[in-house]
Amino acid sequence: MKNGRGGNSDTLLEFPCTFPIKVVGRAAPDFDALVYRLVRQHAPDLGEGALSTRTSGQGNYQAVTVVVRATSKAQLDAIYRSLTACERVLMVL
């Protein structure tokens, strides 16, 4: 696999870059903290201001958007793998 740096045919992204990731799960008081912990494992420089949370109209679901300073495709892949492996996460966009 290629390294994911700019000019690579595996991705159109140029690294480093700012990359938003939206994570959807059932609404819970700690869902945003869970998402933060999972993403921070792969992006240790992630600041608390990097998250924004929105609850669905009926209050059943939460969407957390995390803005990551991505350094490589491998880093983004690892973040997506961690998020999708979590049973509380329903969808990652």
PDB file of N, CA and C in Angstrom:
ATOM      1  N   MET A   1       0.840  -1.178   0.000  1.00  0.00           N
ATOM      2  CA  MET A   1       0.000   0.000   0.000  1.00  0.00           C
ATOM      3  C   MET A   1       0.883   1.239   0.000  1.00  0.00           C
ATOM      4  N   LYS A   2       0.432   2.250  -0.684  1.00  0.00           N
ATOM      5  CA  LYS A   2       1.195   3.488  -0.760  1.00  0.00           C
ATOM      6  C   LYS A   2       1.043   4.281   0.528  1.00  0.00           C
ATOM      7  N   ASN A   3       1.883   5.286   0.706  1.00  0.00           N
ATOM      8  CA  ASN A   3       1.944   5.988   1.975  1.00  0.00           C
ATOM      9  C   ASN A   3       0.891   7.080   2.156  1.00  0.00           C
ATOM     10  N   GLY A   4       0.097   7.413   1.154  1.00  0.00           N
ATOM     11  CA  GLY A   4      -0.971   8.388   1.330  1.00  0.00           C
ATOM     12  C   GLY A   4      -0.522   9.837   1.255  1.00  0.00           C
ATOM     13  N   ARG A   5       0.682  10.098   0.775  1.00  0.00           N
ATOM     14  CA  ARG A   5       1.139  11.478   0.667  1.00  0.00           C
ATOM     15  C   ARG A   5       0.602  12.106  -0.605  1.00  0.00           C
ATOM     16  N   GLY A   6       0.615  13.416  -0.645  1.00  0.00           N
ATOM     17  CA  GLY A   6       0.108  14.146  -1.795  1.00  0.00           C
ATOM     18  C   GLY A   6       0.646  13.609  -3.105  1.00  0.00           C
ATOM     19  N   GLY A   7      -0.194  13.595  -4.156  1.00  0.00           N
ATOM     20  CA  GLY A   7       0.215  13.097  -5.442  1.00  0.00           C
ATOM     21  C   GLY A   7       0.023  11.605  -5.595  1.00  0.00           C
ATOM     22  N   ASN A   8      -0.380  10.956  -4.576  1.00  0.00           N
ATOM     23  CA  ASN A   8      -0.594   9.511  -4.558  1.00  0.00           C
ATOM     24  C   ASN A   8      -1.904   9.187  -5.258  1.00  0.00           C
ATOM     25  N   SER A   9      -1.931   8.114  -6.013  1.00  0.00           N
ATOM     26  CA  SER A   9      -3.150   7.741  -6.732  1.00  0.00           C
ATOM     27  C   SER A   9      -4.189   7.094  -5.810  1.00  0.00           C
ATOM     28  N   ASP A  10      -3.813   6.727  -4.563  1.00  0.00           N
ATOM     29  CA  ASP A  10      -4.751   6.119  -3.625  1.00  0.00           C
ATOM     30  C   ASP A  10      -5.742   7.124  -3.049  1.00  0.00           C
ATOM     31  N   THR A  11      -5.399   8.394  -3.058  1.00  0.00           N
ATOM     32  CA  THR A  11      -6.248   9.410  -2.456  1.00  0.00           C
ATOM     33  C   THR A  11      -6.093  10.732  -3.195  1.00  0.00           C
ATOM     34  N   LEU A  12      -7.141  11.530  -3.153  1.00  0.00           N
ATOM     35  CA  LEU A  12      -7.083  12.858  -3.756  1.00  0.00           C
ATOM     36  C   LEU A  12      -6.663  13.913  -2.743  1.00  0.00           C
ATOM     37  N   LEU A  13      -6.534  13.510  -1.481  1.00  0.00           N
ATOM     38  CA  LEU A  13      -6.177  14.435  -0.415  1.00  0.00           C
ATOM     39  C   LEU A  13      -4.694  14.759  -0.437  1.00  0.00           C
ATOM     40  N   GLU A  14      -4.374  15.974  -0.055  1.00  0.00           N
ATOM     41  CA  GLU A  14      -2.987  16.388   0.152  1.00  0.00           C
ATOM     42  C   GLU A  14      -2.783  16.466   1.653  1.00  0.00           C
ATOM     43  N   PHE A  15      -1.761  15.787   2.174  1.00  0.00           N
ATOM     44  CA  PHE A  15      -1.514  15.770   3.613  1.00  0.00           C
ATOM     45  C   PHE A  15      -0.346  16.671   3.958  1.00  0.00           C
ATOM     46  N   PRO A  16      -0.378  17.302   5.118  1.00  0.00           N
ATOM     47  CA  PRO A  16      -1.456  17.296   6.106  1.00  0.00           C
ATOM     48  C   PRO A  16      -2.641  18.124   5.627  1.00  0.00           C
ATOM     49  N   CYS A  17      -3.832  17.801   6.163  1.00  0.00           N
ATOM     50  CA  CYS A  17      -5.040  18.538   5.811  1.00  0.00           C
ATOM     51  C   CYS A  17      -6.039  18.485   6.960  1.00  0.00           C
ATOM     52  N   THR A  18      -6.983  19.391   6.922  1.00  0.00           N
ATOM     53  CA  THR A  18      -8.073  19.396   7.885  1.00  0.00           C
ATOM     54  C   THR A  18      -9.169  18.508   7.321  1.00  0.00           C
ATOM     55  N   PHE A  19      -9.639  17.536   8.127  1.00  0.00           N
ATOM     56  CA  PHE A  19     -10.581  16.545   7.623  1.00  0.00           C
ATOM     57  C   PHE A  19     -11.701  16.324   8.636  1.00  0.00           C
ATOM     58  N   PRO A  20     -12.958  16.627   8.256  1.00  0.00           N
ATOM     59  CA  PRO A  20     -14.081  16.404   9.172  1.00  0.00           C
ATOM     60  C   PRO A  20     -14.593  14.963   9.088  1.00  0.00           C
ATOM     61  N   ILE A  21     -14.881  14.376  10.237  1.00  0.00           N
ATOM     62  CA  ILE A  21     -15.440  13.025  10.314  1.00  0.00           C
ATOM     63  C   ILE A  21     -16.732  13.118  11.120  1.00  0.00           C
ATOM     64  N   LYS A  22     -17.829  12.626  10.558  1.00  0.00           N
ATOM     65  CA  LYS A  22     -19.104  12.638  11.270  1.00  0.00           C
ATOM     66  C   LYS A  22     -19.393  11.239  11.789  1.00  0.00           C
ATOM     67  N   VAL A  23     -19.728  11.168  13.073  1.00  0.00           N
ATOM     68  CA  VAL A  23     -19.973   9.894  13.747  1.00  0.00           C
ATOM     69  C   VAL A  23     -21.381   9.935  14.340  1.00  0.00           C
ATOM     70  N   VAL A  24     -22.196   8.930  14.019  1.00  0.00           N
ATOM     71  CA  VAL A  24     -23.579   8.886  14.488  1.00  0.00           C
ATOM     72  C   VAL A  24     -23.766   7.694  15.424  1.00  0.00           C
ATOM     73  N   GLY A  25     -24.480   7.949  16.519  1.00  0.00           N
ATOM     74  CA  GLY A  25     -24.787   6.887  17.475  1.00  0.00           C
ATOM     75  C   GLY A  25     -26.050   7.233  18.243  1.00  0.00           C
ATOM     76  N   ARG A  26     -26.489   6.326  19.086  1.00  0.00           N
ATOM     77  CA  ARG A  26     -27.640   6.602  19.938  1.00  0.00           C
ATOM     78  C   ARG A  26     -27.255   7.673  20.946  1.00  0.00           C
ATOM     79  N   ALA A  27     -28.181   8.582  21.198  1.00  0.00           N
ATOM     80  CA  ALA A  27     -27.904   9.687  22.113  1.00  0.00           C
ATOM     81  C   ALA A  27     -27.595   9.170  23.514  1.00  0.00           C
ATOM     82  N   ALA A  28     -26.522   9.672  24.085  1.00  0.00           N
ATOM     83  CA  ALA A  28     -26.106   9.331  25.447  1.00  0.00           C
ATOM     84  C   ALA A  28     -25.225  10.477  25.950  1.00  0.00           C
ATOM     85  N   PRO A  29     -25.244  10.725  27.258  1.00  0.00           N
ATOM     86  CA  PRO A  29     -24.457  11.839  27.802  1.00  0.00           C
ATOM     87  C   PRO A  29     -22.960  11.737  27.520  1.00  0.00           C
ATOM     88  N   ASP A  30     -22.450  10.524  27.322  1.00  0.00           N
ATOM     89  CA  ASP A  30     -21.012  10.354  27.131  1.00  0.00           C
ATOM     90  C   ASP A  30     -20.615   9.999  25.699  1.00  0.00           C
ATOM     91  N   PHE A  31     -21.546  10.079  24.750  1.00  0.00           N
ATOM     92  CA  PHE A  31     -21.219   9.656  23.384  1.00  0.00           C
ATOM     93  C   PHE A  31     -20.125  10.526  22.769  1.00  0.00           C
ATOM     94  N   ASP A  32     -20.204  11.842  22.945  1.00  0.00           N
ATOM     95  CA  ASP A  32     -19.172  12.712  22.370  1.00  0.00           C
ATOM     96  C   ASP A  32     -17.806  12.449  23.005  1.00  0.00           C
ATOM     97  N   ALA A  33     -17.779  12.158  24.309  1.00  0.00           N
ATOM     98  CA  ALA A  33     -16.513  11.840  24.979  1.00  0.00           C
ATOM     99  C   ALA A  33     -15.929  10.526  24.450  1.00  0.00           C
ATOM    100  N   LEU A  34     -16.797   9.560  24.178  1.00  0.00           N
ATOM    101  CA  LEU A  34     -16.356   8.287  23.603  1.00  0.00           C
ATOM    102  C   LEU A  34     -15.713   8.519  22.238  1.00  0.00           C
ATOM    103  N   VAL A  35     -16.375   9.274  21.391  1.00  0.00           N
ATOM    104  CA  VAL A  35     -15.849   9.574  20.053  1.00  0.00           C
ATOM    105  C   VAL A  35     -14.506  10.288  20.183  1.00  0.00           C
ATOM    106  N   TYR A  36     -14.435  11.254  21.077  1.00  0.00           N
ATOM    107  CA  TYR A  36     -13.188  11.996  21.299  1.00  0.00           C
ATOM    108  C   TYR A  36     -12.042  11.044  21.668  1.00  0.00           C
ATOM    109  N   ARG A  37     -12.300  10.141  22.617  1.00  0.00           N
ATOM    110  CA  ARG A  37     -11.262   9.196  23.046  1.00  0.00           C
ATOM    111  C   ARG A  37     -10.807   8.286  21.898  1.00  0.00           C
ATOM    112  N   LEU A  38     -11.760   7.788  21.112  1.00  0.00           N
ATOM    113  CA  LEU A  38     -11.419   6.890  20.001  1.00  0.00           C
ATOM    114  C   LEU A  38     -10.573   7.597  18.945  1.00  0.00           C
ATOM    115  N   VAL A  39     -10.945   8.822  18.611  1.00  0.00           N
ATOM    116  CA  VAL A  39     -10.211   9.563  17.581  1.00  0.00           C
ATOM    117  C   VAL A  39      -8.848  10.000  18.110  1.00  0.00           C
ATOM    118  N   ARG A  40      -8.805  10.419  19.362  1.00  0.00           N
ATOM    119  CA  ARG A  40      -7.557  10.936  19.946  1.00  0.00           C
ATOM    120  C   ARG A  40      -6.465   9.862  20.018  1.00  0.00           C
ATOM    121  N   GLN A  41      -6.840   8.592  20.035  1.00  0.00           N
ATOM    122  CA  GLN A  41      -5.837   7.516  20.002  1.00  0.00           C
ATOM    123  C   GLN A  41      -4.957   7.627  18.761  1.00  0.00           C
ATOM    124  N   HIS A  42      -5.524   8.139  17.684  1.00  0.00           N
ATOM    125  CA  HIS A  42      -4.811   8.223  16.404  1.00  0.00           C
ATOM    126  C   HIS A  42      -4.432   9.654  16.029  1.00  0.00           C
ATOM    127  N   ALA A  43      -4.986  10.625  16.762  1.00  0.00           N
ATOM    128  CA  ALA A  43      -4.692  12.041  16.525  1.00  0.00           C
ATOM    129  C   ALA A  43      -4.456  12.702  17.878  1.00  0.00           C
ATOM    130  N   PRO A  44      -3.283  12.463  18.489  1.00  0.00           N
ATOM    131  CA  PRO A  44      -3.032  12.931  19.849  1.00  0.00           C
ATOM    132  C   PRO A  44      -3.084  14.447  20.024  1.00  0.00           C
ATOM    133  N   ASP A  45      -2.943  15.192  18.944  1.00  0.00           N
ATOM    134  CA  ASP A  45      -2.989  16.654  19.039  1.00  0.00           C
ATOM    135  C   ASP A  45      -4.418  17.203  18.940  1.00  0.00           C
ATOM    136  N   LEU A  46      -5.405  16.327  18.952  1.00  0.00           N
ATOM    137  CA  LEU A  46      -6.805  16.721  18.828  1.00  0.00           C
ATOM    138  C   LEU A  46      -7.204  17.597  20.012  1.00  0.00           C
ATOM    139  N   GLY A  47      -7.705  18.783  19.722  1.00  0.00           N
ATOM    140  CA  GLY A  47      -8.147  19.692  20.782  1.00  0.00           C
ATOM    141  C   GLY A  47      -9.622  19.487  21.094  1.00  0.00           C
ATOM    142  N   GLU A  48     -10.036  19.897  22.276  1.00  0.00           N
ATOM    143  CA  GLU A  48     -11.441  19.732  22.658  1.00  0.00           C
ATOM    144  C   GLU A  48     -12.370  20.536  21.757  1.00  0.00           C
ATOM    145  N   GLY A  49     -11.901  21.633  21.203  1.00  0.00           N
ATOM    146  CA  GLY A  49     -12.705  22.451  20.305  1.00  0.00           C
ATOM    147  C   GLY A  49     -12.908  21.816  18.941  1.00  0.00           C
ATOM    148  N   ALA A  50     -12.329  20.653  18.715  1.00  0.00           N
ATOM    149  CA  ALA A  50     -12.423  19.976  17.420  1.00  0.00           C
ATOM    150  C   ALA A  50     -13.746  19.232  17.255  1.00  0.00           C
ATOM    151  N   LEU A  51     -14.572  19.173  18.320  1.00  0.00           N
ATOM    152  CA  LEU A  51     -15.836  18.434  18.269  1.00  0.00           C
ATOM    153  C   LEU A  51     -17.030  19.376  18.249  1.00  0.00           C
ATOM    154  N   SER A  52     -18.036  18.971  17.497  1.00  0.00           N
ATOM    155  CA  SER A  52     -19.343  19.626  17.593  1.00  0.00           C
ATOM    156  C   SER A  52     -20.388  18.511  17.601  1.00  0.00           C
ATOM    157  N   THR A  53     -21.426  18.699  18.399  1.00  0.00           N
ATOM    158  CA  THR A  53     -22.427  17.654  18.598  1.00  0.00           C
ATOM    159  C   THR A  53     -23.808  18.194  18.259  1.00  0.00           C
ATOM    160  N   ARG A  54     -24.596  17.351  17.631  1.00  0.00           N
ATOM    161  CA  ARG A  54     -25.982  17.691  17.309  1.00  0.00           C
ATOM    162  C   ARG A  54     -26.853  16.486  17.634  1.00  0.00           C
ATOM    163  N   THR A  55     -27.953  16.728  18.334  1.00  0.00           N
ATOM    164  CA  THR A  55     -28.892  15.666  18.685  1.00  0.00           C
ATOM    165  C   THR A  55     -30.066  15.722  17.721  1.00  0.00           C
ATOM    166  N   SER A  56     -30.569  14.558  17.342  1.00  0.00           N
ATOM    167  CA  SER A  56     -31.700  14.490  16.414  1.00  0.00           C
ATOM    168  C   SER A  56     -32.934  15.153  17.027  1.00  0.00           C
ATOM    169  N   GLY A  57     -33.884  15.474  16.187  1.00  0.00           N
ATOM    170  CA  GLY A  57     -35.094  16.169  16.611  1.00  0.00           C
ATOM    171  C   GLY A  57     -35.839  15.478  17.733  1.00  0.00           C
ATOM    172  N   GLN A  58     -35.895  14.162  17.706  1.00  0.00           N
ATOM    173  CA  GLN A  58     -36.605  13.423  18.755  1.00  0.00           C
ATOM    174  C   GLN A  58     -35.681  13.005  19.891  1.00  0.00           C
ATOM    175  N   GLY A  59     -34.404  13.344  19.791  1.00  0.00           N
ATOM    176  CA  GLY A  59     -33.461  13.065  20.861  1.00  0.00           C
ATOM    177  C   GLY A  59     -32.957  11.644  20.927  1.00  0.00           C
ATOM    178  N   ASN A  60     -33.180  10.859  19.883  1.00  0.00           N
ATOM    179  CA  ASN A  60     -32.749   9.458  19.893  1.00  0.00           C
ATOM    180  C   ASN A  60     -31.309   9.251  19.438  1.00  0.00           C
ATOM    181  N   TYR A  61     -30.815  10.137  18.592  1.00  0.00           N
ATOM    182  CA  TYR A  61     -29.491   9.963  17.994  1.00  0.00           C
ATOM    183  C   TYR A  61     -28.656  11.215  18.185  1.00  0.00           C
ATOM    184  N   GLN A  62     -27.333  11.006  18.156  1.00  0.00           N
ATOM    185  CA  GLN A  62     -26.384  12.104  18.228  1.00  0.00           C
ATOM    186  C   GLN A  62     -25.429  11.995  17.056  1.00  0.00           C
ATOM    187  N   ALA A  63     -25.125  13.132  16.469  1.00  0.00           N
ATOM    188  CA  ALA A  63     -24.108  13.205  15.423  1.00  0.00           C
ATOM    189  C   ALA A  63     -22.972  14.057  15.968  1.00  0.00           C
ATOM    190  N   VAL A  64     -21.796  13.487  15.997  1.00  0.00           N
ATOM    191  CA  VAL A  64     -20.614  14.199  16.470  1.00  0.00           C
ATOM    192  C   VAL A  64     -19.696  14.399  15.273  1.00  0.00           C
ATOM    193  N   THR A  65     -19.355  15.642  14.999  1.00  0.00           N
ATOM    194  CA  THR A  65     -18.403  15.940  13.936  1.00  0.00           C
ATOM    195  C   THR A  65     -17.070  16.267  14.590  1.00  0.00           C
ATOM    196  N   VAL A  66     -16.037  15.557  14.150  1.00  0.00           N
ATOM    197  CA  VAL A  66     -14.685  15.758  14.663  1.00  0.00           C
ATOM    198  C   VAL A  66     -13.840  16.283  13.509  1.00  0.00           C
ATOM    199  N   VAL A  67     -13.181  17.402  13.724  1.00  0.00           N
ATOM    200  CA  VAL A  67     -12.297  17.944  12.701  1.00  0.00           C
ATOM    201  C   VAL A  67     -10.860  17.590  13.088  1.00  0.00           C
ATOM    202  N   VAL A  68     -10.250  16.759  12.254  1.00  0.00           N
ATOM    203  CA  VAL A  68      -8.920  16.212  12.516  1.00  0.00           C
ATOM    204  C   VAL A  68      -7.905  16.880  11.599  1.00  0.00           C
ATOM    205  N   ARG A  69      -6.731  17.122  12.125  1.00  0.00           N
ATOM    206  CA  ARG A  69      -5.601  17.541  11.291  1.00  0.00           C
ATOM    207  C   ARG A  69      -4.930  16.251  10.853  1.00  0.00           C
ATOM    208  N   ALA A  70      -5.334  15.760   9.685  1.00  0.00           N
ATOM    209  CA  ALA A  70      -4.877  14.458   9.193  1.00  0.00           C
ATOM    210  C   ALA A  70      -3.480  14.568   8.600  1.00  0.00           C
ATOM    211  N   THR A  71      -2.645  13.608   8.950  1.00  0.00           N
ATOM    212  CA  THR A  71      -1.275  13.606   8.450  1.00  0.00           C
ATOM    213  C   THR A  71      -1.034  12.547   7.375  1.00  0.00           C
ATOM    214  N   SER A  72      -1.953  11.559   7.265  1.00  0.00           N
ATOM    215  CA  SER A  72      -1.785  10.520   6.251  1.00  0.00           C
ATOM    216  C   SER A  72      -3.090   9.760   6.042  1.00  0.00           C
ATOM    217  N   LYS A  73      -3.171   9.064   4.935  1.00  0.00           N
ATOM    218  CA  LYS A  73      -4.319   8.199   4.673  1.00  0.00           C
ATOM    219  C   LYS A  73      -4.361   7.070   5.696  1.00  0.00           C
ATOM    220  N   ALA A  74      -3.199   6.559   6.070  1.00  0.00           N
ATOM    221  CA  ALA A  74      -3.131   5.485   7.067  1.00  0.00           C
ATOM    222  C   ALA A  74      -3.725   5.942   8.397  1.00  0.00           C
ATOM    223  N   GLN A  75      -3.468   7.178   8.778  1.00  0.00           N
ATOM    224  CA  GLN A  75      -4.043   7.710  10.011  1.00  0.00           C
ATOM    225  C   GLN A  75      -5.563   7.770   9.913  1.00  0.00           C
ATOM    226  N   LEU A  76      -6.091   8.277   8.812  1.00  0.00           N
ATOM    227  CA  LEU A  76      -7.545   8.347   8.629  1.00  0.00           C
ATOM    228  C   LEU A  76      -8.156   6.944   8.618  1.00  0.00           C
ATOM    229  N   ASP A  77      -7.505   6.007   7.954  1.00  0.00           N
ATOM    230  CA  ASP A  77      -7.994   4.622   7.930  1.00  0.00           C
ATOM    231  C   ASP A  77      -8.061   4.050   9.340  1.00  0.00           C
ATOM    232  N   ALA A  78      -7.053   4.314  10.157  1.00  0.00           N
ATOM    233  CA  ALA A  78      -7.028   3.811  11.536  1.00  0.00           C
ATOM    234  C   ALA A  78      -8.154   4.431  12.360  1.00  0.00           C
ATOM    235  N   ILE A  79      -8.412   5.707  12.159  1.00  0.00           N
ATOM    236  CA  ILE A  79      -9.513   6.376  12.870  1.00  0.00           C
ATOM    237  C   ILE A  79     -10.837   5.731  12.479  1.00  0.00           C
ATOM    238  N   TYR A  80     -11.063   5.548  11.191  1.00  0.00           N
ATOM    239  CA  TYR A  80     -12.311   4.924  10.726  1.00  0.00           C
ATOM    240  C   TYR A  80     -12.461   3.504  11.260  1.00  0.00           C
ATOM    241  N   ARG A  81     -11.365   2.740  11.288  1.00  0.00           N
ATOM    242  CA  ARG A  81     -11.435   1.373  11.826  1.00  0.00           C
ATOM    243  C   ARG A  81     -11.817   1.376  13.298  1.00  0.00           C
ATOM    244  N   SER A  82     -11.223   2.256  14.085  1.00  0.00           N
ATOM    245  CA  SER A  82     -11.545   2.332  15.518  1.00  0.00           C
ATOM    246  C   SER A  82     -13.004   2.715  15.740  1.00  0.00           C
ATOM    247  N   LEU A  83     -13.475   3.674  14.980  1.00  0.00           N
ATOM    248  CA  LEU A  83     -14.853   4.138  15.143  1.00  0.00           C
ATOM    249  C   LEU A  83     -15.857   3.069  14.728  1.00  0.00           C
ATOM    250  N   THR A  84     -15.631   2.438  13.594  1.00  0.00           N
ATOM    251  CA  THR A  84     -16.591   1.441  13.112  1.00  0.00           C
ATOM    252  C   THR A  84     -16.556   0.163  13.942  1.00  0.00           C
ATOM    253  N   ALA A  85     -15.458  -0.096  14.649  1.00  0.00           N
ATOM    254  CA  ALA A  85     -15.369  -1.276  15.511  1.00  0.00           C
ATOM    255  C   ALA A  85     -16.139  -1.093  16.818  1.00  0.00           C
ATOM    256  N   CYS A  86     -16.458   0.139  17.161  1.00  0.00           N
ATOM    257  CA  CYS A  86     -17.158   0.432  18.409  1.00  0.00           C
ATOM    258  C   CYS A  86     -18.644   0.103  18.259  1.00  0.00           C
ATOM    259  N   GLU A  87     -19.177  -0.712  19.149  1.00  0.00           N
ATOM    260  CA  GLU A  87     -20.580  -1.140  19.058  1.00  0.00           C
ATOM    261  C   GLU A  87     -21.569   0.009  19.244  1.00  0.00           C
ATOM    262  N   ARG A  88     -21.149   1.085  19.867  1.00  0.00           N
ATOM    263  CA  ARG A  88     -22.060   2.223  20.081  1.00  0.00           C
ATOM    264  C   ARG A  88     -22.148   3.137  18.866  1.00  0.00           C
ATOM    265  N   VAL A  89     -21.224   2.999  17.936  1.00  0.00           N
ATOM    266  CA  VAL A  89     -21.218   3.819  16.729  1.00  0.00           C
ATOM    267  C   VAL A  89     -22.072   3.136  15.659  1.00  0.00           C
ATOM    268  N   LEU A  90     -23.056   3.876  15.156  1.00  0.00           N
ATOM    269  CA  LEU A  90     -23.959   3.324  14.138  1.00  0.00           C
ATOM    270  C   LEU A  90     -23.476   3.630  12.724  1.00  0.00           C
ATOM    271  N   MET A  91     -22.824   4.776  12.542  1.00  0.00           N
ATOM    272  CA  MET A  91     -22.422   5.187  11.201  1.00  0.00           C
ATOM    273  C   MET A  91     -21.248   6.177  11.287  1.00  0.00           C
ATOM    274  N   VAL A  92     -20.337   6.072  10.340  1.00  0.00           N
ATOM    275  CA  VAL A  92     -19.222   7.011  10.241  1.00  0.00           C
ATOM    276  C   VAL A  92     -19.186   7.530   8.816  1.00  0.00           C
ATOM    277  N   LEU A  93     -19.192   8.837   8.688  1.00  0.00           N
ATOM    278  CA  LEU A  93     -19.170   9.480   7.364  1.00  0.00           C
ATOM    279  C   LEU A  93     -17.953  10.370   7.245  1.00  0.00           C
TER     280      LEU A  93
END
